[in-house]
Amino acid sequence: RKGDADGFACNDRTKNVTVRGCKSHNN
């Protein structure tokens, strides 16, 4: 949990993001 291995991620200074119908598991 202290690491940086996400399934999906976006950093600061991103704008207008849509994530639809996705699956994230066992990360």
PDB file of all heavy atoms in Angstrom:
ATOM      1  N   ARG A   1       0.810  -1.225   0.000  1.00  0.00           N
ATOM      2  CA  ARG A   1       0.000   0.000   0.000  1.00  0.00           C
ATOM      3  C   ARG A   1       0.840   1.270   0.000  1.00  0.00           C
ATOM      4  O   ARG A   1       0.335   2.354  -0.286  1.00  0.00           O
ATOM      5  CB  ARG A   1      -0.942   0.005   1.204  1.00  0.00           C
ATOM      6  CG  ARG A   1      -2.106  -0.961   1.081  1.00  0.00           C
ATOM      7  CD  ARG A   1      -3.048  -0.831   2.248  1.00  0.00           C
ATOM      8  NE  ARG A   1      -2.467  -1.338   3.484  1.00  0.00           N
ATOM      9  CZ  ARG A   1      -2.894  -1.031   4.696  1.00  0.00           C
ATOM     10  NH1 ARG A   1      -3.885  -0.183   4.849  1.00  0.00           N
ATOM     11  NH2 ARG A   1      -2.334  -1.550   5.763  1.00  0.00           N
ATOM     12  N   LYS A   2       2.106   1.176   0.312  1.00  0.00           N
ATOM     13  CA  LYS A   2       2.986   2.348   0.296  1.00  0.00           C
ATOM     14  C   LYS A   2       3.627   2.560  -1.068  1.00  0.00           C
ATOM     15  O   LYS A   2       4.421   3.479  -1.249  1.00  0.00           O
ATOM     16  CB  LYS A   2       4.069   2.191   1.366  1.00  0.00           C
ATOM     17  CG  LYS A   2       3.530   2.178   2.786  1.00  0.00           C
ATOM     18  CD  LYS A   2       4.651   2.086   3.807  1.00  0.00           C
ATOM     19  CE  LYS A   2       4.100   2.100   5.233  1.00  0.00           C
ATOM     20  NZ  LYS A   2       5.193   2.009   6.240  1.00  0.00           N
ATOM     21  N   GLY A   3       3.313   1.726  -2.000  1.00  0.00           N
ATOM     22  CA  GLY A   3       3.936   1.804  -3.314  1.00  0.00           C
ATOM     23  C   GLY A   3       3.154   2.636  -4.300  1.00  0.00           C
ATOM     24  O   GLY A   3       2.359   3.514  -3.931  1.00  0.00           O
ATOM     25  N   ASP A   4       3.330   2.330  -5.568  1.00  0.00           N
ATOM     26  CA  ASP A   4       2.741   3.131  -6.632  1.00  0.00           C
ATOM     27  C   ASP A   4       2.308   2.237  -7.792  1.00  0.00           C
ATOM     28  O   ASP A   4       2.505   2.575  -8.947  1.00  0.00           O
ATOM     29  CB  ASP A   4       3.746   4.181  -7.112  1.00  0.00           C
ATOM     30  CG  ASP A   4       3.111   5.263  -7.957  1.00  0.00           C
ATOM     31  OD1 ASP A   4       1.897   5.493  -7.803  1.00  0.00           O
ATOM     32  OD2 ASP A   4       3.819   5.864  -8.784  1.00  0.00           O
ATOM     33  N   ALA A   5       1.746   1.088  -7.470  1.00  0.00           N
ATOM     34  CA  ALA A   5       1.312   0.152  -8.507  1.00  0.00           C
ATOM     35  C   ALA A   5      -0.214   0.095  -8.526  1.00  0.00           C
ATOM     36  O   ALA A   5      -0.835  -0.859  -8.053  1.00  0.00           O
ATOM     37  CB  ALA A   5       1.910  -1.225  -8.273  1.00  0.00           C
ATOM     38  N   ASP A   6      -0.824   1.157  -9.051  1.00  0.00           N
ATOM     39  CA  ASP A   6      -2.280   1.207  -9.203  1.00  0.00           C
ATOM     40  C   ASP A   6      -2.690   0.492 -10.490  1.00  0.00           C
ATOM     41  O   ASP A   6      -1.883   0.293 -11.407  1.00  0.00           O
ATOM     42  CB  ASP A   6      -2.758   2.654  -9.290  1.00  0.00           C
ATOM     43  CG  ASP A   6      -2.376   3.481  -8.069  1.00  0.00           C
ATOM     44  OD1 ASP A   6      -2.552   2.974  -6.943  1.00  0.00           O
ATOM     45  OD2 ASP A   6      -1.902   4.618  -8.246  1.00  0.00           O
ATOM     46  N   GLY A   7      -3.977   0.180 -10.551  1.00  0.00           N
ATOM     47  CA  GLY A   7      -4.491  -0.326 -11.816  1.00  0.00           C
ATOM     48  C   GLY A   7      -4.572   0.784 -12.855  1.00  0.00           C
ATOM     49  O   GLY A   7      -3.983   0.701 -13.942  1.00  0.00           O
ATOM     50  N   PHE A   8      -5.302   1.856 -12.515  1.00  0.00           N
ATOM     51  CA  PHE A   8      -5.445   3.036 -13.374  1.00  0.00           C
ATOM     52  C   PHE A   8      -5.174   4.268 -12.511  1.00  0.00           C
ATOM     53  O   PHE A   8      -5.592   4.315 -11.359  1.00  0.00           O
ATOM     54  CB  PHE A   8      -6.870   3.144 -13.929  1.00  0.00           C
ATOM     55  CG  PHE A   8      -7.322   1.972 -14.736  1.00  0.00           C
ATOM     56  CD1 PHE A   8      -7.864   0.845 -14.110  1.00  0.00           C
ATOM     57  CD2 PHE A   8      -7.247   1.989 -16.120  1.00  0.00           C
ATOM     58  CE1 PHE A   8      -8.309  -0.246 -14.858  1.00  0.00           C
ATOM     59  CE2 PHE A   8      -7.695   0.903 -16.876  1.00  0.00           C
ATOM     60  CZ  PHE A   8      -8.222  -0.215 -16.244  1.00  0.00           C
ATOM     61  N   ALA A   9      -4.526   5.287 -13.075  1.00  0.00           N
ATOM     62  CA  ALA A   9      -4.254   6.501 -12.293  1.00  0.00           C
ATOM     63  C   ALA A   9      -4.067   7.695 -13.203  1.00  0.00           C
ATOM     64  O   ALA A   9      -3.708   7.556 -14.380  1.00  0.00           O
ATOM     65  CB  ALA A   9      -3.002   6.304 -11.423  1.00  0.00           C
ATOM     66  N   CYS A  10      -4.326   8.879 -12.645  1.00  0.00           N
ATOM     67  CA  CYS A  10      -3.937  10.106 -13.334  1.00  0.00           C
ATOM     68  C   CYS A  10      -3.371  11.088 -12.323  1.00  0.00           C
ATOM     69  O   CYS A  10      -3.794  11.136 -11.170  1.00  0.00           O
ATOM     70  CB  CYS A  10      -5.090  10.715 -14.122  1.00  0.00           C
ATOM     71  SG  CYS A  10      -6.386  11.486 -13.151  1.00  0.00           S
ATOM     72  N   ASN A  11      -2.385  11.857 -12.759  1.00  0.00           N
ATOM     73  CA  ASN A  11      -1.690  12.816 -11.910  1.00  0.00           C
ATOM     74  C   ASN A  11      -2.462  14.129 -11.803  1.00  0.00           C
ATOM     75  O   ASN A  11      -3.500  14.318 -12.436  1.00  0.00           O
ATOM     76  CB  ASN A  11      -0.291  13.085 -12.461  1.00  0.00           C
ATOM     77  CG  ASN A  11       0.601  11.860 -12.465  1.00  0.00           C
ATOM     78  OD1 ASN A  11       1.431  11.686 -13.343  1.00  0.00           O
ATOM     79  ND2 ASN A  11       0.454  10.989 -11.480  1.00  0.00           N
ATOM     80  N   ASP A  12      -1.912  15.048 -11.005  1.00  0.00           N
ATOM     81  CA  ASP A  12      -2.440  16.414 -10.955  1.00  0.00           C
ATOM     82  C   ASP A  12      -2.352  17.051 -12.337  1.00  0.00           C
ATOM     83  O   ASP A  12      -1.594  16.631 -13.202  1.00  0.00           O
ATOM     84  CB  ASP A  12      -1.620  17.263  -9.974  1.00  0.00           C
ATOM     85  CG  ASP A  12      -1.796  16.788  -8.548  1.00  0.00           C
ATOM     86  OD1 ASP A  12      -2.887  16.332  -8.204  1.00  0.00           O
ATOM     87  OD2 ASP A  12      -0.812  16.878  -7.783  1.00  0.00           O
ATOM     88  N   ARG A  13      -3.136  18.128 -12.494  1.00  0.00           N
ATOM     89  CA  ARG A  13      -3.135  18.920 -13.731  1.00  0.00           C
ATOM     90  C   ARG A  13      -3.557  18.100 -14.944  1.00  0.00           C
ATOM     91  O   ARG A  13      -3.106  18.323 -16.056  1.00  0.00           O
ATOM     92  CB  ARG A  13      -1.781  19.604 -13.951  1.00  0.00           C
ATOM     93  CG  ARG A  13      -1.429  20.591 -12.841  1.00  0.00           C
ATOM     94  CD  ARG A  13      -0.135  21.330 -13.108  1.00  0.00           C
ATOM     95  NE  ARG A  13       0.999  20.432 -13.148  1.00  0.00           N
ATOM     96  CZ  ARG A  13       1.613  19.938 -12.056  1.00  0.00           C
ATOM     97  NH1 ARG A  13       1.166  20.263 -10.854  1.00  0.00           N
ATOM     98  NH2 ARG A  13       2.645  19.146 -12.172  1.00  0.00           N
ATOM     99  N   THR A  14      -4.432  17.118 -14.697  1.00  0.00           N
ATOM    100  CA  THR A  14      -5.185  16.487 -15.768  1.00  0.00           C
ATOM    101  C   THR A  14      -6.619  16.996 -15.679  1.00  0.00           C
ATOM    102  O   THR A  14      -7.042  17.484 -14.634  1.00  0.00           O
ATOM    103  CB  THR A  14      -5.149  14.952 -15.648  1.00  0.00           C
ATOM    104  OG1 THR A  14      -5.574  14.585 -14.323  1.00  0.00           O
ATOM    105  CG2 THR A  14      -3.746  14.414 -15.879  1.00  0.00           C
ATOM    106  N   LYS A  15      -7.369  16.871 -16.750  1.00  0.00           N
ATOM    107  CA  LYS A  15      -8.690  17.512 -16.761  1.00  0.00           C
ATOM    108  C   LYS A  15      -9.666  16.702 -17.614  1.00  0.00           C
ATOM    109  O   LYS A  15      -9.323  16.249 -18.711  1.00  0.00           O
ATOM    110  CB  LYS A  15      -8.555  18.932 -17.312  1.00  0.00           C
ATOM    111  CG  LYS A  15      -9.819  19.763 -17.246  1.00  0.00           C
ATOM    112  CD  LYS A  15      -9.545  21.184 -17.733  1.00  0.00           C
ATOM    113  CE  LYS A  15     -10.794  22.041 -17.663  1.00  0.00           C
ATOM    114  NZ  LYS A  15     -10.539  23.421 -18.149  1.00  0.00           N
ATOM    115  N   ASN A  16     -10.876  16.565 -17.088  1.00  0.00           N
ATOM    116  CA  ASN A  16     -11.986  15.951 -17.826  1.00  0.00           C
ATOM    117  C   ASN A  16     -11.639  14.519 -18.264  1.00  0.00           C
ATOM    118  O   ASN A  16     -11.314  14.259 -19.423  1.00  0.00           O
ATOM    119  CB  ASN A  16     -12.390  16.796 -19.036  1.00  0.00           C
ATOM    120  CG  ASN A  16     -12.844  18.190 -18.645  1.00  0.00           C
ATOM    121  OD1 ASN A  16     -13.280  18.427 -17.512  1.00  0.00           O
ATOM    122  ND2 ASN A  16     -12.736  19.130 -19.564  1.00  0.00           N
ATOM    123  N   VAL A  17     -11.737  13.618 -17.325  1.00  0.00           N
ATOM    124  CA  VAL A  17     -11.401  12.214 -17.568  1.00  0.00           C
ATOM    125  C   VAL A  17     -12.633  11.351 -17.297  1.00  0.00           C
ATOM    126  O   VAL A  17     -13.301  11.509 -16.273  1.00  0.00           O
ATOM    127  CB  VAL A  17     -10.241  11.764 -16.663  1.00  0.00           C
ATOM    128  CG1 VAL A  17      -9.945  10.274 -16.851  1.00  0.00           C
ATOM    129  CG2 VAL A  17      -8.987  12.599 -16.940  1.00  0.00           C
ATOM    130  N   THR A  18     -12.919  10.439 -18.207  1.00  0.00           N
ATOM    131  CA  THR A  18     -14.006   9.477 -18.040  1.00  0.00           C
ATOM    132  C   THR A  18     -13.445   8.068 -18.125  1.00  0.00           C
ATOM    133  O   THR A  18     -12.730   7.734 -19.070  1.00  0.00           O
ATOM    134  CB  THR A  18     -15.092   9.661 -19.110  1.00  0.00           C
ATOM    135  OG1 THR A  18     -15.684  10.960 -18.973  1.00  0.00           O
ATOM    136  CG2 THR A  18     -16.180   8.607 -18.970  1.00  0.00           C
ATOM    137  N   VAL A  19     -13.789   7.249 -17.131  1.00  0.00           N
ATOM    138  CA  VAL A  19     -13.385   5.841 -17.123  1.00  0.00           C
ATOM    139  C   VAL A  19     -14.663   5.017 -17.051  1.00  0.00           C
ATOM    140  O   VAL A  19     -15.421   5.120 -16.089  1.00  0.00           O
ATOM    141  CB  VAL A  19     -12.463   5.532 -15.926  1.00  0.00           C
ATOM    142  CG1 VAL A  19     -11.980   4.087 -16.000  1.00  0.00           C
ATOM    143  CG2 VAL A  19     -11.276   6.487 -15.898  1.00  0.00           C
ATOM    144  N   ARG A  20     -14.888   4.183 -18.044  1.00  0.00           N
ATOM    145  CA  ARG A  20     -16.173   3.488 -18.158  1.00  0.00           C
ATOM    146  C   ARG A  20     -15.963   2.011 -18.497  1.00  0.00           C
ATOM    147  O   ARG A  20     -15.204   1.658 -19.396  1.00  0.00           O
ATOM    148  CB  ARG A  20     -17.020   4.138 -19.251  1.00  0.00           C
ATOM    149  CG  ARG A  20     -18.391   3.514 -19.447  1.00  0.00           C
ATOM    150  CD  ARG A  20     -19.149   4.143 -20.603  1.00  0.00           C
ATOM    151  NE  ARG A  20     -19.330   5.577 -20.410  1.00  0.00           N
ATOM    152  CZ  ARG A  20     -18.901   6.491 -21.271  1.00  0.00           C
ATOM    153  NH1 ARG A  20     -18.246   6.137 -22.349  1.00  0.00           N
ATOM    154  NH2 ARG A  20     -19.109   7.778 -21.016  1.00  0.00           N
ATOM    155  N   GLY A  21     -16.651   1.166 -17.758  1.00  0.00           N
ATOM    156  CA  GLY A  21     -16.650  -0.254 -18.072  1.00  0.00           C
ATOM    157  C   GLY A  21     -15.313  -0.939 -17.887  1.00  0.00           C
ATOM    158  O   GLY A  21     -15.013  -1.919 -18.577  1.00  0.00           O
ATOM    159  N   CYS A  22     -14.514  -0.461 -16.942  1.00  0.00           N
ATOM    160  CA  CYS A  22     -13.179  -1.022 -16.730  1.00  0.00           C
ATOM    161  C   CYS A  22     -13.129  -1.885 -15.461  1.00  0.00           C
ATOM    162  O   CYS A  22     -13.938  -1.715 -14.552  1.00  0.00           O
ATOM    163  CB  CYS A  22     -12.143   0.084 -16.628  1.00  0.00           C
ATOM    164  SG  CYS A  22     -11.922   1.009 -18.170  1.00  0.00           S
ATOM    165  N   LYS A  23     -12.147  -2.766 -15.421  1.00  0.00           N
ATOM    166  CA  LYS A  23     -11.975  -3.657 -14.276  1.00  0.00           C
ATOM    167  C   LYS A  23     -10.540  -3.562 -13.779  1.00  0.00           C
ATOM    168  O   LYS A  23      -9.592  -3.647 -14.568  1.00  0.00           O
ATOM    169  CB  LYS A  23     -12.297  -5.101 -14.673  1.00  0.00           C
ATOM    170  CG  LYS A  23     -12.237  -6.087 -13.522  1.00  0.00           C
ATOM    171  CD  LYS A  23     -12.648  -7.482 -13.980  1.00  0.00           C
ATOM    172  CE  LYS A  23     -12.627  -8.475 -12.832  1.00  0.00           C
ATOM    173  NZ  LYS A  23     -13.029  -9.844 -13.269  1.00  0.00           N
ATOM    174  N   SER A  24     -10.395  -3.383 -12.476  1.00  0.00           N
ATOM    175  CA  SER A  24      -9.075  -3.294 -11.854  1.00  0.00           C
ATOM    176  C   SER A  24      -9.033  -4.253 -10.669  1.00  0.00           C
ATOM    177  O   SER A  24      -9.823  -4.115  -9.735  1.00  0.00           O
ATOM    178  CB  SER A  24      -8.809  -1.847 -11.402  1.00  0.00           C
ATOM    179  OG  SER A  24      -7.504  -1.714 -10.902  1.00  0.00           O
ATOM    180  N   HIS A  25      -8.100  -5.197 -10.688  1.00  0.00           N
ATOM    181  CA  HIS A  25      -8.092  -6.196  -9.617  1.00  0.00           C
ATOM    182  C   HIS A  25      -6.688  -6.711  -9.335  1.00  0.00           C
ATOM    183  O   HIS A  25      -5.809  -6.706 -10.195  1.00  0.00           O
ATOM    184  CB  HIS A  25      -9.023  -7.368  -9.964  1.00  0.00           C
ATOM    185  CG  HIS A  25      -8.638  -8.125 -11.204  1.00  0.00           C
ATOM    186  ND1 HIS A  25      -7.864  -9.262 -11.164  1.00  0.00           N
ATOM    187  CD2 HIS A  25      -8.945  -7.905 -12.510  1.00  0.00           C
ATOM    188  CE1 HIS A  25      -7.711  -9.721 -12.396  1.00  0.00           C
ATOM    189  NE2 HIS A  25      -8.347  -8.919 -13.233  1.00  0.00           N
ATOM    190  N   ASN A  26      -6.498  -7.100  -8.087  1.00  0.00           N
ATOM    191  CA  ASN A  26      -5.251  -7.726  -7.638  1.00  0.00           C
ATOM    192  C   ASN A  26      -4.021  -6.863  -7.886  1.00  0.00           C
ATOM    193  O   ASN A  26      -2.934  -7.364  -8.184  1.00  0.00           O
ATOM    194  CB  ASN A  26      -5.078  -9.091  -8.310  1.00  0.00           C
ATOM    195  CG  ASN A  26      -6.194 -10.064  -7.957  1.00  0.00           C
ATOM    196  OD1 ASN A  26      -7.150 -10.205  -8.724  1.00  0.00           O
ATOM    197  ND2 ASN A  26      -6.093 -10.712  -6.801  1.00  0.00           N
ATOM    198  N   ASN A  27      -4.190  -5.545  -7.744  1.00  0.00           N
ATOM    199  CA  ASN A  27      -3.053  -4.629  -7.807  1.00  0.00           C
ATOM    200  C   ASN A  27      -2.570  -4.343  -6.385  1.00  0.00           C
ATOM    201  O   ASN A  27      -3.370  -4.319  -5.447  1.00  0.00           O
ATOM    202  CB  ASN A  27      -3.453  -3.330  -8.506  1.00  0.00           C
ATOM    203  CG  ASN A  27      -3.936  -3.585  -9.924  1.00  0.00           C
ATOM    204  OD1 ASN A  27      -3.164  -3.967 -10.790  1.00  0.00           O
ATOM    205  ND2 ASN A  27      -5.234  -3.387 -10.163  1.00  0.00           N
TER     206      ASN A  27
END
